[in-house]
Amino acid sequence: MRQIAYKHLTSPRHRRKVIAVSERNDTPECVTTSHKRFIYIVNEQHGPQEQPPKPEFFIVKAQDARQKREKFSFRVKGTLFITREAQTFRVRYSHSLKVRIDWKTKLPCASPVSS
C-alpha cells in the first residue's frame, strides 16, 4: 500500500516557501519511507552583487543488518541571485531527500566491488 502526503507552505511576509512530500510504500519485501523537502528564502539584495558561494552537498548512507534497515540522506544548500525589473534578489535554498528502507527479510547483499 502506498501513502503520500504533500505540504506547500508559503509566507509572503517572510518571503519563504516550503514544499514537502512524504511517501510510505509497503510491499511484501520491505517498507520504504521517503521525505523530500524544498525550502526557498528570498531577500532583496542592496549594493553590488557578490559572487554566490558554491553549493554544499551532504550525503550519508548507512546499513544496519541487525535491524534490517537501510538509510540514505542527501542535502544540498546554496545561494543564487535573480534580477527582476532592475531589482536583485538573493535566493537561499535547501533541498533534502531522506530514504529509509526496513526490510522484512534479510538485507540484500551488496555486490563485491572489483578493482
Protein backbone atom coordinates (compact mmCIF):
# COMPACT_ATOMS: atom_id res chain seq x y z
CA MET A 1 0.00 0.00 0.00
CA ARG A 2 1.26 3.47 -0.89
CA GLN A 3 0.59 6.66 1.09
CA ILE A 4 1.60 10.17 0.00
CA ALA A 5 1.42 13.44 1.97
CA TYR A 6 2.07 16.80 0.31
CA LYS A 7 2.63 20.17 2.05
CA HIS A 8 3.01 23.55 0.38
CA LEU A 9 3.64 26.40 2.84
CA THR A 10 4.12 29.96 1.61
CA SER A 11 4.80 33.05 3.70
CA PRO A 12 4.81 36.23 1.55
CA ARG A 13 5.54 38.30 4.66
CA HIS A 14 8.75 36.37 5.40
CA ARG A 15 9.43 35.64 1.70
CA ARG A 16 9.68 31.94 2.36
CA LYS A 17 8.35 28.89 0.55
CA VAL A 18 8.46 25.30 1.77
CA ILE A 19 7.39 22.30 -0.29
CA ALA A 20 7.44 18.89 1.37
CA VAL A 21 6.44 15.44 0.12
CA SER A 22 6.38 12.31 2.30
CA GLU A 23 5.77 8.85 0.92
CA ARG A 24 5.38 5.44 2.53
CA ASN A 25 5.29 2.31 0.40
CA ASP A 26 4.57 -1.10 1.93
CA THR A 27 5.46 -4.15 -0.19
CA PRO A 28 5.89 -7.82 0.74
CA GLU A 29 9.70 -7.38 0.79
CA CYS A 30 10.10 -4.05 2.59
CA VAL A 31 8.62 -0.81 3.90
CA THR A 32 10.09 2.28 2.22
CA THR A 33 9.69 5.77 3.65
CA SER A 34 10.94 8.85 1.82
CA HIS A 35 10.83 12.54 2.67
CA LYS A 36 11.61 15.30 0.15
CA ARG A 37 11.80 18.94 1.21
CA PHE A 38 12.49 22.11 -0.76
CA ILE A 39 12.99 25.40 1.11
CA TYR A 40 13.43 28.81 -0.54
CA ILE A 41 14.06 32.12 1.27
CA VAL A 42 14.15 35.33 -0.80
CA ASN A 43 15.74 38.63 0.33
CA GLU A 44 16.28 41.84 -1.60
CA GLN A 45 19.97 42.45 -2.35
CA HIS A 46 21.23 46.02 -1.84
CA GLY A 47 24.56 47.19 -3.15
CA PRO A 48 26.85 45.33 -5.53
CA GLN A 49 26.04 41.71 -6.34
CA GLU A 50 28.55 39.35 -4.79
CA GLN A 51 29.65 36.04 -6.23
CA PRO A 52 27.42 33.31 -4.74
CA PRO A 53 29.27 30.59 -2.82
CA LYS A 54 29.39 27.12 -4.28
CA PRO A 55 26.57 24.81 -3.18
CA GLU A 56 27.26 22.49 -0.26
CA PHE A 57 26.42 18.80 -0.61
CA PHE A 58 25.90 16.36 2.26
CA ILE A 59 25.44 12.64 1.58
CA VAL A 60 25.06 9.90 4.22
CA LYS A 61 24.34 6.20 3.72
CA ALA A 62 24.01 3.62 6.48
CA GLN A 63 23.08 -0.07 6.78
CA ASP A 64 22.11 -1.95 9.91
CA ALA A 65 21.96 -5.72 9.31
CA ARG A 66 20.56 -6.47 12.78
CA GLN A 67 17.57 -4.21 12.42
CA LYS A 68 17.32 -4.95 8.67
CA ARG A 69 17.38 -1.23 7.90
CA GLU A 70 19.00 0.99 5.28
CA LYS A 71 19.12 4.78 5.39
CA PHE A 72 20.13 7.34 2.79
CA SER A 73 20.24 11.11 3.18
CA PHE A 74 21.08 13.76 0.59
CA ARG A 75 21.08 17.52 1.14
CA VAL A 76 22.20 20.48 -0.93
CA LYS A 77 22.32 24.08 0.31
CA GLY A 78 23.18 27.13 -1.72
CA THR A 79 22.50 30.67 -2.85
CA LEU A 80 21.63 32.19 -6.20
CA PHE A 81 20.82 35.69 -7.42
CA ILE A 82 17.84 36.73 -9.54
CA THR A 83 17.33 40.10 -11.23
CA ARG A 84 13.77 41.23 -11.92
CA GLU A 85 12.74 44.72 -13.02
CA ALA A 86 16.10 46.27 -12.04
CA GLN A 87 15.94 44.70 -8.55
CA THR A 88 18.31 41.98 -7.43
CA PHE A 89 17.14 39.25 -5.07
CA ARG A 90 19.18 36.68 -3.19
CA VAL A 91 17.54 33.24 -3.01
CA ARG A 92 18.82 30.84 -0.38
CA TYR A 93 17.71 27.26 -0.92
CA SER A 94 17.94 23.90 0.77
CA HIS A 95 16.84 20.66 -0.88
CA SER A 96 16.82 17.40 1.06
CA LEU A 97 15.94 13.78 0.41
CA LYS A 98 15.77 11.11 3.11
CA VAL A 99 15.02 7.47 2.34
CA ARG A 100 14.63 4.65 4.86
CA ILE A 101 14.09 1.00 3.93
CA ASP A 102 13.00 -1.51 6.56
CA TRP A 103 13.44 -4.99 5.12
CA LYS A 104 11.04 -7.75 6.17
CA THR A 105 13.54 -10.39 5.08
CA LYS A 106 17.34 -10.43 5.11
CA LEU A 107 19.20 -7.42 3.76
CA PRO A 108 20.16 -7.92 0.11
CA CYS A 109 23.90 -8.45 -0.19
CA ALA A 110 25.88 -5.74 -1.91
CA SER A 111 27.79 -6.94 -4.94
CA PRO A 112 31.57 -7.02 -4.46
CA VAL A 113 33.49 -4.11 -5.94
CA SER A 114 36.13 -5.13 -8.46
CA SER A 115 39.41 -3.23 -8.56
